[in-house]
Amino acid sequence: MKKSINKNFEQIPYLKLCSTPKILILDSLDGKETLTDAKDVFHGTELCFKSKPGVSTKQQRVSIYKQINAGTYVQTFGSLGNDLDKLCLTENQIVNFCRKYGASLYKKGCILVFLYKDEEQFFIARIHVSKYGSQLATTEHFGRKYLGFCLQYLIVPLV
């Protein structure tokens, strides 16, 4: 079942598309690696549920948006489109992004934000990149939680 969200959030610019020095492409993946499996990438995980393997995926280009105004997850992701399924990555793709680009591409002290789906529920993965370059993965349910203003980047599939 696809979940749509209200498009009334377009008046407020929550995000700005980042220009990157190169095209960022996620690898073709078997879907087996989860956030909790990636001990070589994350120095810790704080998950709101037990991770489980997903589906295999083809190579995927991604877009990176910098948060420029505070808002809820619904408002922020809603400003990118009303079909949440198109904005999701898999857990394996999130791990792949963080392994390839996470600590080197982004400023220390930022948070990388991903939308993903497990069965019919949407979740947020927040990757905290410390000032030393280590990464901590946390998850929470997608909803109307307020996305406070700090240095955050949203990573979504390029469609």
N, C-alpha and C. Protein backbone atom coordinates (compact mmCIF):
# COMPACT_ATOMS: atom_id res chain seq x y z
N MET A 1 0.84 -1.18 0.00
CA MET A 1 0.00 0.00 0.00
C MET A 1 0.88 1.24 0.00
N LYS A 2 0.65 2.12 -0.94
CA LYS A 2 1.43 3.35 -1.03
C LYS A 2 0.85 4.38 -0.06
N LYS A 3 1.74 5.15 0.53
CA LYS A 3 1.30 6.20 1.43
C LYS A 3 1.60 7.54 0.76
N SER A 4 0.60 8.37 0.70
CA SER A 4 0.77 9.71 0.16
C SER A 4 0.64 10.71 1.30
N ILE A 5 1.25 11.84 1.10
CA ILE A 5 1.15 12.89 2.10
C ILE A 5 0.70 14.17 1.44
N ASN A 6 0.16 15.04 2.22
CA ASN A 6 -0.40 16.29 1.75
C ASN A 6 0.69 17.17 1.15
N LYS A 7 0.43 17.75 0.00
CA LYS A 7 1.40 18.60 -0.69
C LYS A 7 1.27 20.07 -0.30
N ASN A 8 0.58 20.39 0.78
CA ASN A 8 0.43 21.78 1.20
C ASN A 8 1.69 22.37 1.82
N PHE A 9 2.77 21.62 1.84
CA PHE A 9 3.99 22.07 2.50
C PHE A 9 4.94 22.79 1.53
N GLU A 10 4.53 22.95 0.30
CA GLU A 10 5.43 23.50 -0.71
C GLU A 10 5.76 24.98 -0.50
N GLN A 11 4.93 25.71 0.25
CA GLN A 11 5.16 27.14 0.43
C GLN A 11 6.45 27.41 1.20
N ILE A 12 6.82 26.55 2.12
CA ILE A 12 8.00 26.75 2.94
C ILE A 12 9.14 25.91 2.38
N PRO A 13 10.26 26.53 2.04
CA PRO A 13 11.39 25.74 1.54
C PRO A 13 12.12 25.06 2.71
N TYR A 14 11.93 23.77 2.87
CA TYR A 14 12.58 23.03 3.95
C TYR A 14 13.97 22.55 3.55
N LEU A 15 14.16 22.32 2.25
CA LEU A 15 15.38 21.69 1.78
C LEU A 15 15.98 22.44 0.59
N LYS A 16 17.28 22.27 0.45
CA LYS A 16 17.98 22.81 -0.73
C LYS A 16 18.80 21.68 -1.33
N LEU A 17 18.66 21.47 -2.63
CA LEU A 17 19.42 20.44 -3.32
C LEU A 17 20.90 20.79 -3.26
N CYS A 18 21.72 19.86 -2.85
CA CYS A 18 23.16 20.08 -2.75
C CYS A 18 23.83 19.74 -4.08
N SER A 19 24.81 20.50 -4.41
CA SER A 19 25.62 20.12 -5.56
C SER A 19 26.79 19.32 -5.00
N THR A 20 27.09 18.22 -5.62
CA THR A 20 28.18 17.37 -5.16
C THR A 20 29.25 17.33 -6.24
N PRO A 21 30.48 17.04 -5.86
CA PRO A 21 31.55 17.03 -6.85
C PRO A 21 31.43 15.89 -7.87
N LYS A 22 30.63 14.90 -7.56
CA LYS A 22 30.47 13.78 -8.48
C LYS A 22 29.08 13.19 -8.32
N ILE A 23 28.68 12.37 -9.24
CA ILE A 23 27.40 11.68 -9.14
C ILE A 23 27.56 10.57 -8.11
N LEU A 24 26.64 10.50 -7.18
CA LEU A 24 26.70 9.48 -6.14
C LEU A 24 25.80 8.31 -6.53
N ILE A 25 26.41 7.14 -6.65
CA ILE A 25 25.68 5.95 -7.09
C ILE A 25 25.87 4.85 -6.06
N LEU A 26 24.75 4.30 -5.61
CA LEU A 26 24.79 3.15 -4.72
C LEU A 26 24.99 1.90 -5.54
N ASP A 27 25.67 0.91 -4.99
CA ASP A 27 25.95 -0.34 -5.69
C ASP A 27 24.71 -1.20 -5.85
N SER A 28 24.76 -2.16 -6.77
CA SER A 28 23.76 -3.22 -6.81
C SER A 28 23.96 -4.06 -5.56
N LEU A 29 22.87 -4.37 -4.86
CA LEU A 29 23.00 -5.03 -3.56
C LEU A 29 22.04 -6.21 -3.45
N ASP A 30 22.43 -7.18 -2.61
CA ASP A 30 21.58 -8.35 -2.42
C ASP A 30 20.49 -8.14 -1.37
N GLY A 31 20.55 -7.04 -0.64
CA GLY A 31 19.51 -6.72 0.34
C GLY A 31 19.70 -7.37 1.70
N LYS A 32 20.75 -8.14 1.87
CA LYS A 32 20.90 -8.92 3.09
C LYS A 32 21.48 -8.13 4.27
N GLU A 33 22.29 -7.11 3.99
CA GLU A 33 22.93 -6.38 5.09
C GLU A 33 21.98 -5.36 5.70
N THR A 34 21.89 -5.36 7.02
CA THR A 34 21.03 -4.42 7.74
C THR A 34 21.89 -3.43 8.51
N LEU A 35 21.24 -2.46 9.10
CA LEU A 35 21.95 -1.47 9.90
C LEU A 35 22.71 -2.12 11.06
N THR A 36 22.10 -3.12 11.69
CA THR A 36 22.77 -3.77 12.83
C THR A 36 23.92 -4.66 12.38
N ASP A 37 23.92 -5.13 11.14
CA ASP A 37 25.01 -5.98 10.63
C ASP A 37 26.28 -5.19 10.35
N ALA A 38 26.16 -3.91 10.09
CA ALA A 38 27.26 -3.10 9.56
C ALA A 38 28.15 -2.56 10.68
N LYS A 39 28.75 -3.45 11.43
CA LYS A 39 29.60 -3.05 12.55
C LYS A 39 30.89 -2.38 12.08
N ASP A 40 31.28 -2.61 10.83
CA ASP A 40 32.46 -1.92 10.29
C ASP A 40 32.15 -0.47 9.90
N VAL A 41 30.87 -0.14 9.80
CA VAL A 41 30.47 1.21 9.39
C VAL A 41 30.02 2.04 10.60
N PHE A 42 29.21 1.45 11.46
CA PHE A 42 28.62 2.18 12.58
C PHE A 42 29.28 1.75 13.89
N HIS A 43 29.65 2.73 14.70
CA HIS A 43 30.24 2.39 15.99
C HIS A 43 29.17 2.01 17.00
N GLY A 44 27.92 2.15 16.62
CA GLY A 44 26.81 1.75 17.47
C GLY A 44 25.50 1.93 16.73
N THR A 45 24.48 1.21 17.19
CA THR A 45 23.14 1.35 16.62
C THR A 45 22.14 1.42 17.76
N GLU A 46 21.16 2.28 17.62
CA GLU A 46 20.05 2.40 18.56
C GLU A 46 18.79 2.34 17.71
N LEU A 47 18.24 1.15 17.58
CA LEU A 47 17.12 0.94 16.67
C LEU A 47 15.82 0.78 17.44
N CYS A 48 14.73 1.27 16.86
CA CYS A 48 13.43 1.18 17.53
C CYS A 48 12.75 -0.16 17.24
N PHE A 49 13.38 -1.04 16.50
CA PHE A 49 12.85 -2.37 16.20
C PHE A 49 14.00 -3.22 15.69
N LYS A 50 13.77 -4.52 15.58
CA LYS A 50 14.80 -5.43 15.09
C LYS A 50 14.88 -5.35 13.57
N SER A 51 16.08 -5.12 13.07
CA SER A 51 16.31 -5.06 11.63
C SER A 51 16.18 -6.44 11.01
N LYS A 52 15.74 -6.47 9.77
CA LYS A 52 15.72 -7.74 9.03
C LYS A 52 16.09 -7.47 7.58
N PRO A 53 16.68 -8.47 6.93
CA PRO A 53 17.10 -8.28 5.54
C PRO A 53 15.96 -7.86 4.63
N GLY A 54 16.31 -7.16 3.56
CA GLY A 54 15.31 -6.67 2.62
C GLY A 54 15.45 -7.33 1.25
N VAL A 55 15.13 -6.57 0.23
CA VAL A 55 15.14 -7.07 -1.14
C VAL A 55 16.41 -6.64 -1.86
N SER A 56 16.75 -7.33 -2.92
CA SER A 56 17.91 -6.94 -3.72
C SER A 56 17.55 -5.68 -4.52
N THR A 57 18.58 -4.89 -4.82
CA THR A 57 18.37 -3.64 -5.55
C THR A 57 19.43 -3.48 -6.64
N LYS A 58 19.08 -2.72 -7.67
CA LYS A 58 20.02 -2.38 -8.73
C LYS A 58 20.77 -1.12 -8.32
N GLN A 59 21.76 -0.74 -9.13
CA GLN A 59 22.45 0.52 -8.87
C GLN A 59 21.43 1.64 -8.76
N GLN A 60 21.69 2.58 -7.87
CA GLN A 60 20.74 3.67 -7.64
C GLN A 60 21.49 4.99 -7.44
N ARG A 61 21.14 5.98 -8.25
CA ARG A 61 21.66 7.32 -8.03
C ARG A 61 20.88 7.94 -6.88
N VAL A 62 21.56 8.79 -6.11
CA VAL A 62 20.88 9.44 -5.00
C VAL A 62 21.05 10.95 -5.08
N SER A 63 20.09 11.65 -4.52
CA SER A 63 20.13 13.10 -4.39
C SER A 63 20.32 13.44 -2.92
N ILE A 64 21.03 14.52 -2.67
CA ILE A 64 21.28 14.96 -1.31
C ILE A 64 20.71 16.35 -1.14
N TYR A 65 19.91 16.52 -0.10
CA TYR A 65 19.30 17.81 0.21
C TYR A 65 19.76 18.26 1.59
N LYS A 66 20.09 19.53 1.70
CA LYS A 66 20.46 20.11 2.99
C LYS A 66 19.22 20.75 3.59
N GLN A 67 18.99 20.49 4.86
CA GLN A 67 17.86 21.10 5.55
C GLN A 67 18.16 22.59 5.76
N ILE A 68 17.21 23.45 5.34
CA ILE A 68 17.41 24.88 5.50
C ILE A 68 16.37 25.51 6.43
N ASN A 69 15.29 24.78 6.72
CA ASN A 69 14.28 25.23 7.68
C ASN A 69 13.78 24.04 8.47
N ALA A 70 13.44 24.28 9.72
CA ALA A 70 12.92 23.22 10.58
C ALA A 70 11.50 22.84 10.17
N GLY A 71 11.15 21.60 10.40
CA GLY A 71 9.81 21.10 10.11
C GLY A 71 9.70 19.66 10.57
N THR A 72 8.53 19.09 10.45
CA THR A 72 8.35 17.69 10.79
C THR A 72 8.88 16.81 9.66
N TYR A 73 9.02 15.52 9.92
CA TYR A 73 9.42 14.60 8.86
C TYR A 73 8.40 14.64 7.73
N VAL A 74 7.13 14.68 8.07
CA VAL A 74 6.07 14.72 7.05
C VAL A 74 6.22 15.96 6.18
N GLN A 75 6.46 17.11 6.79
CA GLN A 75 6.62 18.35 6.02
C GLN A 75 7.88 18.31 5.17
N THR A 76 8.98 17.86 5.77
CA THR A 76 10.26 17.89 5.08
C THR A 76 10.28 16.93 3.90
N PHE A 77 9.92 15.67 4.13
CA PHE A 77 9.88 14.72 3.01
C PHE A 77 8.73 15.06 2.06
N GLY A 78 7.63 15.60 2.59
CA GLY A 78 6.50 15.99 1.75
C GLY A 78 6.86 17.08 0.76
N SER A 79 7.87 17.88 1.09
CA SER A 79 8.28 18.93 0.15
C SER A 79 8.98 18.35 -1.08
N LEU A 80 9.36 17.06 -1.02
CA LEU A 80 10.02 16.40 -2.15
C LEU A 80 9.05 15.63 -3.04
N GLY A 81 7.86 15.38 -2.55
CA GLY A 81 6.88 14.63 -3.34
C GLY A 81 5.88 13.96 -2.43
N ASN A 82 4.76 13.56 -2.99
CA ASN A 82 3.71 12.99 -2.15
C ASN A 82 3.70 11.47 -2.12
N ASP A 83 4.58 10.80 -2.85
CA ASP A 83 4.65 9.34 -2.83
C ASP A 83 5.88 8.91 -2.03
N LEU A 84 5.66 8.57 -0.78
CA LEU A 84 6.77 8.22 0.11
C LEU A 84 7.57 7.02 -0.38
N ASP A 85 6.93 6.08 -1.05
CA ASP A 85 7.63 4.89 -1.55
C ASP A 85 8.79 5.28 -2.47
N LYS A 86 8.63 6.34 -3.23
CA LYS A 86 9.68 6.77 -4.17
C LYS A 86 10.84 7.46 -3.46
N LEU A 87 10.66 7.81 -2.20
CA LEU A 87 11.70 8.51 -1.44
C LEU A 87 12.48 7.57 -0.53
N CYS A 88 12.12 6.28 -0.56
CA CYS A 88 12.73 5.30 0.34
C CYS A 88 13.97 4.64 -0.26
N LEU A 89 14.90 4.34 0.61
CA LEU A 89 16.02 3.45 0.30
C LEU A 89 15.84 2.23 1.19
N THR A 90 16.57 1.17 0.90
CA THR A 90 16.54 -0.01 1.78
C THR A 90 17.63 0.14 2.84
N GLU A 91 17.55 -0.68 3.88
CA GLU A 91 18.60 -0.65 4.90
C GLU A 91 19.96 -0.94 4.27
N ASN A 92 20.01 -1.90 3.36
CA ASN A 92 21.27 -2.24 2.69
C ASN A 92 21.81 -1.05 1.90
N GLN A 93 20.94 -0.29 1.25
CA GLN A 93 21.37 0.89 0.51
C GLN A 93 21.87 1.99 1.46
N ILE A 94 21.24 2.12 2.61
CA ILE A 94 21.69 3.09 3.60
C ILE A 94 23.10 2.74 4.08
N VAL A 95 23.32 1.46 4.38
CA VAL A 95 24.65 1.01 4.79
C VAL A 95 25.66 1.27 3.68
N ASN A 96 25.28 0.96 2.45
CA ASN A 96 26.17 1.16 1.31
C ASN A 96 26.54 2.64 1.16
N PHE A 97 25.57 3.53 1.29
CA PHE A 97 25.85 4.96 1.20
C PHE A 97 26.83 5.37 2.30
N CYS A 98 26.57 4.95 3.52
CA CYS A 98 27.43 5.34 4.64
C CYS A 98 28.83 4.76 4.52
N ARG A 99 28.93 3.56 4.01
CA ARG A 99 30.24 2.94 3.82
C ARG A 99 31.04 3.70 2.75
N LYS A 100 30.36 4.06 1.65
CA LYS A 100 31.05 4.70 0.53
C LYS A 100 31.30 6.19 0.76
N TYR A 101 30.31 6.89 1.33
CA TYR A 101 30.36 8.34 1.34
C TYR A 101 30.21 9.01 2.71
N GLY A 102 29.63 8.33 3.65
CA GLY A 102 29.20 8.95 4.91
C GLY A 102 30.20 9.81 5.62
N ALA A 103 31.29 9.23 6.11
CA ALA A 103 32.22 9.99 6.94
C ALA A 103 33.15 10.88 6.13
N SER A 104 33.34 10.59 4.85
CA SER A 104 34.29 11.39 4.07
C SER A 104 33.63 12.55 3.33
N LEU A 105 32.39 12.38 2.92
CA LEU A 105 31.73 13.38 2.09
C LEU A 105 31.13 14.53 2.91
N TYR A 106 30.76 14.23 4.14
CA TYR A 106 30.02 15.21 4.93
C TYR A 106 30.82 15.75 6.09
N LYS A 107 30.46 16.96 6.47
CA LYS A 107 31.12 17.63 7.58
C LYS A 107 30.92 16.83 8.86
N LYS A 108 31.94 16.80 9.66
CA LYS A 108 31.84 16.13 10.95
C LYS A 108 30.80 16.87 11.78
N GLY A 109 30.02 16.13 12.52
CA GLY A 109 28.99 16.74 13.36
C GLY A 109 27.64 16.87 12.68
N CYS A 110 27.48 16.33 11.47
CA CYS A 110 26.19 16.43 10.79
C CYS A 110 25.37 15.17 11.02
N ILE A 111 24.14 15.21 10.56
CA ILE A 111 23.25 14.05 10.64
C ILE A 111 22.75 13.76 9.23
N LEU A 112 22.88 12.50 8.81
CA LEU A 112 22.35 12.05 7.52
C LEU A 112 21.00 11.40 7.80
N VAL A 113 19.97 11.78 7.05
CA VAL A 113 18.61 11.31 7.31
C VAL A 113 18.11 10.54 6.09
N PHE A 114 17.61 9.33 6.34
CA PHE A 114 17.11 8.45 5.28
C PHE A 114 15.69 8.00 5.63
N LEU A 115 14.85 7.86 4.63
CA LEU A 115 13.53 7.27 4.79
C LEU A 115 13.60 5.84 4.27
N TYR A 116 13.08 4.89 5.04
CA TYR A 116 13.00 3.52 4.55
C TYR A 116 11.73 2.86 5.05
N LYS A 117 11.43 1.72 4.48
CA LYS A 117 10.17 1.04 4.76
C LYS A 117 10.45 -0.39 5.18
N ASP A 118 9.76 -0.84 6.20
CA ASP A 118 9.83 -2.22 6.64
C ASP A 118 8.40 -2.73 6.67
N GLU A 119 8.12 -3.70 5.80
CA GLU A 119 6.76 -4.16 5.57
C GLU A 119 5.91 -2.97 5.15
N GLU A 120 4.89 -2.58 5.89
CA GLU A 120 4.05 -1.44 5.48
C GLU A 120 4.28 -0.20 6.32
N GLN A 121 5.33 -0.19 7.14
CA GLN A 121 5.60 0.97 7.99
C GLN A 121 6.83 1.72 7.50
N PHE A 122 6.77 3.03 7.64
CA PHE A 122 7.90 3.88 7.26
C PHE A 122 8.71 4.24 8.50
N PHE A 123 10.03 4.30 8.31
CA PHE A 123 10.94 4.62 9.40
C PHE A 123 11.96 5.64 8.92
N ILE A 124 12.57 6.30 9.86
CA ILE A 124 13.65 7.24 9.61
C ILE A 124 14.93 6.63 10.18
N ALA A 125 15.97 6.61 9.39
CA ALA A 125 17.31 6.26 9.88
C ALA A 125 18.10 7.56 9.94
N ARG A 126 18.63 7.84 11.11
CA ARG A 126 19.47 9.02 11.30
C ARG A 126 20.88 8.55 11.60
N ILE A 127 21.81 8.98 10.78
CA ILE A 127 23.21 8.61 10.95
C ILE A 127 23.95 9.84 11.47
N HIS A 128 24.40 9.75 12.69
CA HIS A 128 25.11 10.84 13.34
C HIS A 128 26.60 10.69 13.03
N VAL A 129 27.17 11.64 12.31
CA VAL A 129 28.59 11.61 11.97
C VAL A 129 29.30 12.47 13.01
N SER A 130 30.12 11.84 13.85
CA SER A 130 30.78 12.57 14.94
C SER A 130 31.91 13.44 14.42
N LYS A 131 32.40 14.29 15.29
CA LYS A 131 33.51 15.17 14.88
C LYS A 131 34.78 14.38 14.58
N TYR A 132 34.80 13.10 14.98
CA TYR A 132 35.95 12.23 14.70
C TYR A 132 35.72 11.36 13.46
N GLY A 133 34.52 11.48 12.85
CA GLY A 133 34.23 10.73 11.64
C GLY A 133 33.51 9.41 11.87
N SER A 134 33.33 9.00 13.13
CA SER A 134 32.60 7.75 13.37
C SER A 134 31.10 8.00 13.18
N GLN A 135 30.36 6.92 12.91
CA GLN A 135 28.95 7.03 12.59
C GLN A 135 28.11 6.19 13.55
N LEU A 136 27.03 6.78 14.07
CA LEU A 136 26.08 6.11 14.94
C LEU A 136 24.75 6.08 14.22
N ALA A 137 24.13 4.90 14.12
CA ALA A 137 22.83 4.77 13.44
C ALA A 137 21.72 4.70 14.48
N THR A 138 20.71 5.55 14.31
CA THR A 138 19.51 5.49 15.14
C THR A 138 18.31 5.44 14.21
N THR A 139 17.22 4.85 14.69
CA THR A 139 16.00 4.80 13.87
C THR A 139 14.82 5.24 14.72
N GLU A 140 13.79 5.67 14.03
CA GLU A 140 12.54 6.02 14.70
C GLU A 140 11.41 5.90 13.68
N HIS A 141 10.19 5.84 14.19
CA HIS A 141 9.03 5.76 13.31
C HIS A 141 8.86 7.09 12.58
N PHE A 142 8.47 6.99 11.32
CA PHE A 142 8.17 8.17 10.52
C PHE A 142 6.85 8.75 11.03
N GLY A 143 6.78 10.03 11.14
CA GLY A 143 5.54 10.65 11.58
C GLY A 143 5.71 12.14 11.66
N ARG A 144 4.99 12.71 12.54
CA ARG A 144 4.97 14.16 12.64
C ARG A 144 5.99 14.70 13.63
N LYS A 145 6.98 13.91 13.96
CA LYS A 145 8.03 14.38 14.86
C LYS A 145 8.72 15.59 14.24
N TYR A 146 9.02 16.55 15.08
CA TYR A 146 9.66 17.78 14.63
C TYR A 146 11.13 17.54 14.35
N LEU A 147 11.56 17.93 13.18
CA LEU A 147 12.95 17.81 12.76
C LEU A 147 13.62 19.13 13.08
N GLY A 148 14.21 19.21 14.26
CA GLY A 148 14.84 20.44 14.71
C GLY A 148 15.91 20.90 13.74
N PHE A 149 16.33 22.11 13.90
CA PHE A 149 17.30 22.64 12.95
C PHE A 149 18.72 22.41 13.45
N CYS A 150 19.42 21.58 12.77
CA CYS A 150 20.86 21.39 12.95
C CYS A 150 21.38 20.97 11.58
N LEU A 151 22.66 20.72 11.46
CA LEU A 151 23.21 20.39 10.15
C LEU A 151 22.77 18.99 9.74
N GLN A 152 21.71 18.92 8.92
CA GLN A 152 21.15 17.64 8.51
C GLN A 152 21.04 17.60 6.99
N TYR A 153 21.30 16.40 6.46
CA TYR A 153 21.17 16.15 5.03
C TYR A 153 20.22 14.99 4.83
N LEU A 154 19.28 15.14 3.91
CA LEU A 154 18.38 14.05 3.54
C LEU A 154 18.90 13.42 2.28
N ILE A 155 18.98 12.10 2.27
CA ILE A 155 19.45 11.36 1.10
C ILE A 155 18.28 10.54 0.58
N VAL A 156 17.93 10.76 -0.69
CA VAL A 156 16.80 10.08 -1.31
C VAL A 156 17.18 9.59 -2.70
N PRO A 157 16.46 8.58 -3.21
CA PRO A 157 16.74 8.11 -4.59
C PRO A 157 16.49 9.23 -5.60
N LEU A 158 17.31 9.28 -6.61
CA LEU A 158 17.11 10.19 -7.72
C LEU A 158 16.13 9.51 -8.66
N VAL A 159 14.99 10.14 -8.87
CA VAL A 159 13.97 9.53 -9.74
C VAL A 159 13.78 10.31 -11.02
